Protein backbone atom coordinates (compact mmCIF):
# COMPACT_ATOMS: atom_id res chain seq x y z
CA MET A 1 -0.19 0.04 0.13
CA ASN A 2 1.30 3.78 -0.70
CA ASN A 3 1.70 6.05 2.19
CA PRO A 4 0.55 9.03 0.69
CA GLN A 5 1.13 12.57 2.35
CA PRO A 6 -1.79 13.49 4.25
CA ILE A 7 -4.30 16.37 3.77
CA TYR A 8 -5.67 18.00 6.78
CA PHE A 9 -9.98 18.48 6.60
CA PRO A 10 -12.01 19.70 9.34
CA PRO A 11 -15.39 17.95 9.98
CA GLY A 12 -18.46 19.15 9.81
CA VAL A 13 -17.80 21.77 6.83
CA VAL A 14 -21.35 22.52 4.95
CA GLU A 15 -22.00 23.99 2.14
CA ARG A 16 -25.20 27.31 1.99
CA ASN A 17 -28.17 24.34 1.81
CA GLY A 18 -26.23 22.92 5.24
CA ARG A 19 -25.20 19.74 3.08
CA ARG A 20 -21.78 18.46 4.17
CA ILE A 21 -18.72 18.55 2.07
CA ARG A 22 -15.05 16.92 2.08
CA PRO A 23 -12.48 16.34 -0.69
CA GLY A 24 -13.72 14.79 -3.31
CA SER A 25 -16.58 16.76 -3.44
CA VAL A 26 -18.06 18.49 -6.38
CA VAL A 27 -19.55 22.12 -6.10
CA GLN A 28 -20.69 24.65 -7.94
CA PHE A 29 -20.28 28.59 -7.33
CA LYS A 30 -19.76 31.78 -8.84
CA SER A 31 -16.36 33.07 -9.68
CA THR A 32 -15.20 36.72 -9.37
CA TYR A 33 -12.71 35.99 -11.87
CA GLU A 34 -14.84 36.11 -14.53
CA ASP A 35 -16.73 39.08 -16.05
CA SER A 36 -19.77 37.05 -16.33
CA MET A 37 -20.15 35.34 -12.75
CA ALA A 38 -21.44 32.24 -14.81
CA PRO A 39 -21.25 28.96 -12.37
CA VAL A 40 -18.06 27.14 -12.23
CA LEU A 41 -18.01 23.69 -11.54
CA GLY A 42 -15.02 22.29 -9.34
CA GLU A 43 -14.00 19.30 -6.80
CA VAL A 44 -13.27 20.12 -3.54
CA VAL A 45 -9.31 19.54 -2.52
CA GLY A 46 -8.48 20.62 0.91
CA TRP A 47 -9.06 23.75 3.05
CA CYS A 48 -7.46 26.97 4.71
CA SER A 49 -8.06 29.54 6.68
CA ASP A 50 -9.87 31.53 4.17
CA GLY A 51 -12.00 28.54 3.00
CA ILE A 52 -12.11 25.65 0.96
CA ILE A 53 -9.84 24.89 -2.26
CA VAL A 54 -11.19 24.16 -5.42
CA VAL A 55 -9.82 23.13 -8.78
CA ASP A 56 -12.02 23.39 -11.84
CA ASP A 57 -12.07 20.67 -14.20
CA GLN A 58 -10.75 23.47 -17.37
CA ASP A 59 -7.75 22.01 -19.44
CA ILE A 60 -5.17 24.42 -17.02
CA PRO A 61 -7.04 24.16 -13.92
CA ASN A 62 -7.68 26.90 -11.24
CA GLN A 63 -7.66 26.87 -8.27
CA TYR A 64 -10.21 28.52 -6.16
CA VAL A 65 -10.23 29.68 -2.19
CA ILE A 66 -13.56 30.19 -1.30
CA ASN A 67 -16.59 30.53 1.67
CA PRO A 68 -18.42 27.25 1.90
CA ILE A 69 -21.75 29.38 2.18
CA ASP A 70 -21.11 30.09 -1.28
CA CYS A 71 -20.97 27.21 -2.77
CA GLN A 72 -23.72 24.23 -3.52
CA LEU A 73 -23.16 20.92 -3.26
CA VAL A 74 -23.41 18.86 -6.81
CA ASP A 75 -24.81 15.07 -6.87
CA GLU A 76 -24.32 14.21 -10.33
CA HIS A 77 -21.07 15.52 -12.14
CA SER A 78 -18.98 13.58 -14.77
CA LEU A 79 -15.77 15.34 -13.16
CA VAL A 80 -12.55 12.91 -12.77
CA SER A 81 -11.58 12.82 -9.17
CA LEU A 82 -8.53 14.59 -8.60
CA THR A 83 -8.44 13.14 -4.77
CA ALA A 84 -8.86 9.99 -5.02
CA GLY A 85 -5.60 7.58 -3.76
CA THR A 86 -5.42 11.02 -1.29
CA TYR A 87 -5.17 10.54 2.19
CA VAL A 88 -7.95 12.50 4.34
CA VAL A 89 -7.31 13.13 7.78
CA GLU A 90 -10.14 14.94 9.58
CA PHE A 91 -9.66 16.47 13.00
CA SER A 92 -11.25 14.17 15.56
CA ASP A 93 -13.39 15.88 17.92
CA ARG A 94 -14.73 12.39 19.61
CA PRO A 95 -13.61 9.10 18.83
CA THR A 96 -14.40 7.38 15.80
CA SER A 97 -15.42 3.66 15.24
CA LEU A 98 -15.91 2.40 11.39
CA ILE A 99 -18.80 -0.68 10.72
CA TYR A 100 -17.71 -2.42 7.41
CA PRO A 101 -20.49 -4.76 5.71
CA VAL A 102 -18.07 -7.27 4.35
CA GLY A 103 -18.85 -8.70 0.51
CA GLY A 104 -17.45 -11.19 -1.55
CA ARG A 105 -15.22 -8.43 -3.71
CA ASP A 106 -13.76 -7.64 -0.51
CA VAL A 107 -10.97 -9.61 -0.93
CA LEU A 108 -9.08 -10.14 -4.01
CA ILE A 109 -6.29 -13.24 -4.38
CA ASP A 110 -3.41 -12.14 -7.12
CA GLY A 111 -6.41 -9.84 -8.41
CA GLN A 112 -8.68 -12.43 -8.59
CA GLU A 113 -12.58 -12.72 -6.98
CA PHE A 114 -13.31 -15.59 -5.19
CA PRO A 115 -15.85 -17.66 -7.31
CA ARG A 116 -19.44 -16.49 -6.25
CA GLU A 117 -20.48 -20.34 -6.31
CA ASN A 118 -18.48 -21.60 -3.92
CA LEU A 119 -17.86 -18.13 -1.81
CA ARG A 120 -17.61 -19.66 1.45
CA GLU A 121 -15.54 -23.37 0.70
CA THR A 122 -12.99 -21.27 -0.76
CA SER A 123 -12.06 -19.03 1.38
CA ARG A 124 -12.42 -21.26 4.42
CA LYS A 125 -9.90 -23.32 2.55
CA LEU A 126 -7.92 -20.06 2.10
CA LEU A 127 -8.32 -19.44 5.19
CA VAL A 128 -7.33 -22.48 7.18
CA ASP A 129 -3.98 -22.83 4.70
CA LEU A 130 -3.08 -19.43 6.33
CA GLN A 131 -3.65 -20.80 9.87
CA LYS A 132 -1.50 -23.47 9.47
CA LEU A 133 1.59 -20.88 8.47
CA ASN A 134 3.71 -18.91 11.03
CA HIS A 135 3.04 -15.13 11.81
CA SER A 136 6.14 -13.59 9.55
CA GLU A 137 4.92 -16.47 6.43
CA ALA A 138 1.35 -15.17 7.02
CA VAL A 139 2.23 -11.92 6.64
CA GLU A 140 4.55 -12.01 3.64
CA TRP A 141 1.83 -14.38 1.85
CA VAL A 142 -0.72 -12.06 2.48
CA LYS A 143 1.08 -9.08 1.41
CA GLU A 144 1.90 -10.77 -2.06
CA HIS A 145 -1.34 -12.07 -2.80
CA LEU A 146 -4.18 -10.54 -1.10
CA SER A 147 -5.28 -6.94 -1.81
CA ALA A 148 -8.87 -5.36 -0.44
CA PRO A 149 -9.09 -2.46 -2.60
CA ILE A 150 -12.86 -1.35 -1.57
CA LEU A 151 -11.58 -1.14 2.29
CA GLU A 152 -8.34 0.41 1.03
CA ARG A 153 -9.81 3.07 -0.20
CA VAL A 154 -11.81 4.06 2.44
CA LEU A 155 -8.88 3.45 5.22
CA VAL A 156 -7.17 6.11 2.88
CA GLU A 157 -9.73 8.17 1.16
CA ALA A 158 -12.80 9.12 3.58
CA ALA A 159 -12.26 11.79 5.64
CA LEU A 160 -12.17 10.31 9.14
CA PRO A 161 -9.25 10.86 12.03
CA SER A 162 -5.84 9.23 11.48
CA GLN A 163 -7.06 6.22 14.26
CA ILE A 164 -9.99 4.50 14.17
CA GLU A 165 -11.41 3.16 17.78
CA THR A 166 -12.17 0.04 16.59
CA ILE A 167 -13.61 -1.39 13.02
CA PHE A 168 -16.23 -3.53 12.81
CA LEU A 169 -16.36 -6.11 9.97
CA VAL A 170 -20.23 -7.42 9.22
CA VAL A 171 -20.60 -10.77 7.90
CA THR A 172 -23.14 -13.27 6.96
CA ASP A 173 -23.09 -17.01 8.18
CA GLN A 174 -26.23 -18.54 8.03
CA GLY A 175 -24.96 -22.07 7.73
CA LEU A 176 -23.58 -24.65 5.40
CA GLU A 177 -26.04 -24.36 2.75
CA ARG A 178 -25.85 -21.33 1.83
CA VAL A 179 -22.35 -21.06 -0.61
CA ASP A 180 -22.15 -17.22 -0.83
CA ASP A 181 -21.77 -16.09 3.17
CA THR A 182 -19.05 -13.93 3.94
CA LEU A 183 -17.50 -14.73 7.56
CA HIS A 184 -14.24 -16.08 5.82
CA ILE A 185 -14.36 -13.54 3.66
CA GLY A 186 -14.12 -11.38 6.93
CA GLU A 187 -11.67 -13.34 8.85
CA LEU A 188 -9.35 -12.53 5.60
CA LEU A 189 -10.02 -9.35 5.83
CA ARG A 190 -8.05 -9.11 9.52
CA PHE A 191 -5.38 -11.11 7.80
CA TRP A 192 -5.22 -8.09 5.51
CA ILE A 193 -5.26 -5.47 7.89
CA GLU A 194 -2.88 -6.82 10.28
CA ALA A 195 -0.41 -7.76 7.48
CA ASN A 196 -0.26 -4.36 5.65
CA GLY A 197 0.37 -2.48 9.28
CA HIS A 198 -2.76 -0.65 9.88
CA LEU A 199 -3.54 -2.21 13.45
CA ASN A 200 -1.72 -0.36 16.80
CA SER A 201 -3.38 -0.56 19.70
CA THR A 202 -0.55 1.55 21.02
CA GLN A 203 -1.05 5.07 21.42
CA TYR A 204 2.10 6.07 19.87
CA LEU A 205 0.92 7.20 16.04
CA ASP A 206 2.56 8.41 12.75
CA GLU A 207 1.36 10.20 9.73
CA GLU A 208 1.94 7.01 7.28
CA ARG A 209 -1.55 5.66 7.28
CA ARG A 210 -5.01 5.05 9.06
CA TRP A 211 -4.57 3.31 12.18
CA ILE A 212 -6.62 0.65 13.77
CA ARG A 213 -6.55 -0.15 17.40
CA ARG A 214 -8.87 -2.89 17.53
CA ILE A 215 -10.98 -5.29 14.96
CA GLU A 216 -13.86 -7.20 15.97
CA ILE A 217 -16.46 -9.12 13.85
CA PHE A 218 -20.03 -9.26 14.03
CA THR A 219 -22.40 -12.03 12.09
CA ILE A 220 -25.44 -12.13 10.60
CA ASN A 221 -26.81 -15.17 11.09
CA HIS A 222 -30.38 -14.89 9.78
CA LEU A 223 -31.82 -13.01 6.11
CA PRO A 224 -29.42 -10.52 5.41
CA HIS A 225 -31.35 -9.50 2.02
CA VAL A 226 -34.87 -8.72 4.18
CA VAL A 227 -34.38 -5.34 6.04
CA ASP A 228 -36.39 -5.92 8.42
CA ALA A 229 -35.23 -8.90 9.65
CA THR A 230 -31.13 -7.57 8.99
CA LEU A 231 -32.27 -4.13 11.21
CA HIS A 232 -33.76 -6.48 14.02
CA GLN A 233 -30.35 -8.07 14.75
CA VAL A 234 -27.73 -5.18 13.75
CA MET A 235 -29.76 -3.43 16.50
CA ARG A 236 -27.62 -5.62 19.02
CA LEU A 237 -24.29 -4.16 17.48
CA MET A 238 -25.11 -0.56 17.89
CA PRO A 239 -24.80 -0.11 21.99
CA ILE A 240 -21.18 -1.53 21.50
CA ALA A 241 -20.45 0.34 18.88
CA PHE A 242 -21.32 3.76 20.62
CA SER A 243 -19.89 3.03 23.69
CA ASP A 244 -17.27 5.74 25.57
CA ASN A 245 -19.69 8.10 23.56
CA HIS A 246 -17.99 7.08 19.73
CA ARG A 247 -18.83 8.59 16.34
CA LEU A 248 -20.00 6.06 14.01
CA ALA A 249 -19.30 5.69 10.57
CA ILE A 250 -20.53 3.18 8.72
CA ALA A 251 -19.61 2.22 4.58
CA SER A 252 -21.24 0.69 2.17
CA PRO A 253 -19.18 -1.03 0.14
CA GLY A 254 -19.95 -4.50 -0.26
CA GLY A 255 -22.97 -7.04 1.14
CA THR A 256 -26.35 -6.98 0.59
CA PRO A 257 -28.27 -3.53 -0.30
CA ALA A 258 -30.46 -4.85 2.85
CA THR A 259 -27.77 -5.07 5.26
CA ASN A 260 -26.46 -1.75 4.37
CA THR A 261 -29.70 0.03 4.70
CA ALA A 262 -30.36 -1.67 8.10
CA LEU A 263 -26.87 -0.57 9.41
CA LEU A 264 -27.66 3.12 8.57
CA VAL A 265 -31.17 3.26 10.04
CA ALA A 266 -30.02 1.06 13.21
CA ALA A 267 -27.14 3.80 13.73
CA VAL A 268 -29.70 7.01 13.46
CA LEU A 269 -32.39 5.51 15.43
CA TYR A 270 -29.93 4.68 18.15
CA SER A 271 -28.12 7.72 18.57
CA ARG A 272 -31.43 9.79 18.21
CA THR A 273 -32.93 7.91 20.95
CA GLN A 274 -29.55 7.82 23.57
CA PHE A 275 -28.61 11.08 22.86
CA LYS A 276 -31.45 12.82 23.10
CA GLU A 277 -29.18 15.85 24.76
CA LEU A 278 -27.13 16.21 21.24
CA SER A 279 -30.55 15.33 19.15
CA GLU A 280 -32.05 18.82 20.05
CA SER A 281 -28.95 20.20 17.76
CA PRO A 282 -29.03 21.33 14.27
CA ARG A 283 -26.02 18.84 13.57
CA THR A 284 -24.88 16.38 15.70
CA ASN A 285 -22.28 14.97 13.84
CA LEU A 286 -22.45 10.97 15.47
CA VAL A 287 -23.29 8.78 12.08
CA ARG A 288 -21.39 8.98 9.01
CA HIS A 289 -22.05 6.84 5.55
CA ILE A 290 -19.59 6.32 3.60
CA HIS A 291 -20.03 5.34 0.06
CA VAL A 292 -17.90 3.59 -2.49
CA PRO A 293 -18.60 3.61 -6.23
CA GLY A 294 -17.44 1.84 -9.01
CA PRO A 295 -15.83 2.80 -11.28
CA ASN A 296 -17.10 5.55 -14.12
CA ALA A 297 -18.22 4.53 -17.95
CA ARG A 298 -14.41 4.88 -18.59
CA ASN A 299 -13.68 2.69 -16.05
CA GLN A 300 -12.16 5.22 -14.22
CA LEU A 301 -12.08 5.94 -9.61
CA GLN A 302 -14.80 8.55 -8.72
CA SER A 303 -14.40 9.98 -5.40
CA LEU A 304 -16.33 8.52 -2.37
CA ILE A 305 -19.65 10.24 -0.76
CA GLU A 306 -19.66 10.59 2.25
CA PHE A 307 -22.61 12.64 4.21
CA ASP A 308 -23.67 12.73 7.96
CA ALA A 309 -26.98 11.53 8.95
CA ASP A 310 -28.12 15.35 9.81
CA ASP A 311 -28.45 15.77 5.70
CA LEU A 312 -31.25 12.72 5.94
CA GLN A 313 -33.10 16.28 6.95
CA TRP A 314 -32.32 18.02 3.79
CA LEU A 315 -32.67 15.13 1.22
CA SER A 316 -35.97 14.36 2.99
CA LYS A 317 -37.02 18.26 2.50
CA LEU A 318 -35.88 17.77 -0.71
CA MET A 319 -37.70 14.52 -1.92
CA LYS A 320 -41.22 16.02 -0.20
CA THR A 321 -44.09 17.26 -3.08
CA ASP A 322 -46.20 19.47 -2.67
């Protein structure tokens, strides 16, 4: 894994409508450089004491420093991401944990996905072989043969503190008859995290990578493709994930759509009922959603899409009809 230089970005930066923006967000604003005052489209690439730093999509790019309230977030755009692969560090205002639903594409072996028709058994056999090696041999084998490109993007590009308190890998285990269960993929992800030096239980950190203090695996045993059934199960995770006044980031990279939805709903419901003193505030910043989009039609990486649960209020207003 490459260790790019970190870009620091403060939490809770919002545009004129109150929606959160981060490095990689595409915004529209009016440029004072142009006599016509025509709207300009650009990507947020950083910040400074005078505002956010935005670069437009011209052949010879222009750089702007603008006040966040002078711009508007654009949801659909065709810009090639300038920030893909950039290590983004957000100043930590409270401890942050990450929930990561594990899918069949989350671990690649020599660049190839595990076969879907026997995902459970193939990943189990590899895990058993890895466990037979001594620690140093296992680390070298994992570094040479296994990759986790989706989780790697979250650990590098997501606007999170430099240290994640706990990563909860959410896997499925519905019994031997379900060939697509991901319980062994979750254990392989644990190997990958440790082999690539992300695990650090001490307080002594450097700035080269995102650190994780603990890895926990949470198992869904029943109907991961049904929202109501999954919501009932993942609600048990919320008191653990929010313990010690933690903020929670929820990734939506793999897993089933029902699991991704249930995790976000459970986190919002729990945070609103258990932290009532904060729920009265305009922004609590307790729950963050991280979506990892696939490549665009030209097979180019797109920026992560991140928003706080507080933005859901804005989205619900947007969807209301007269």
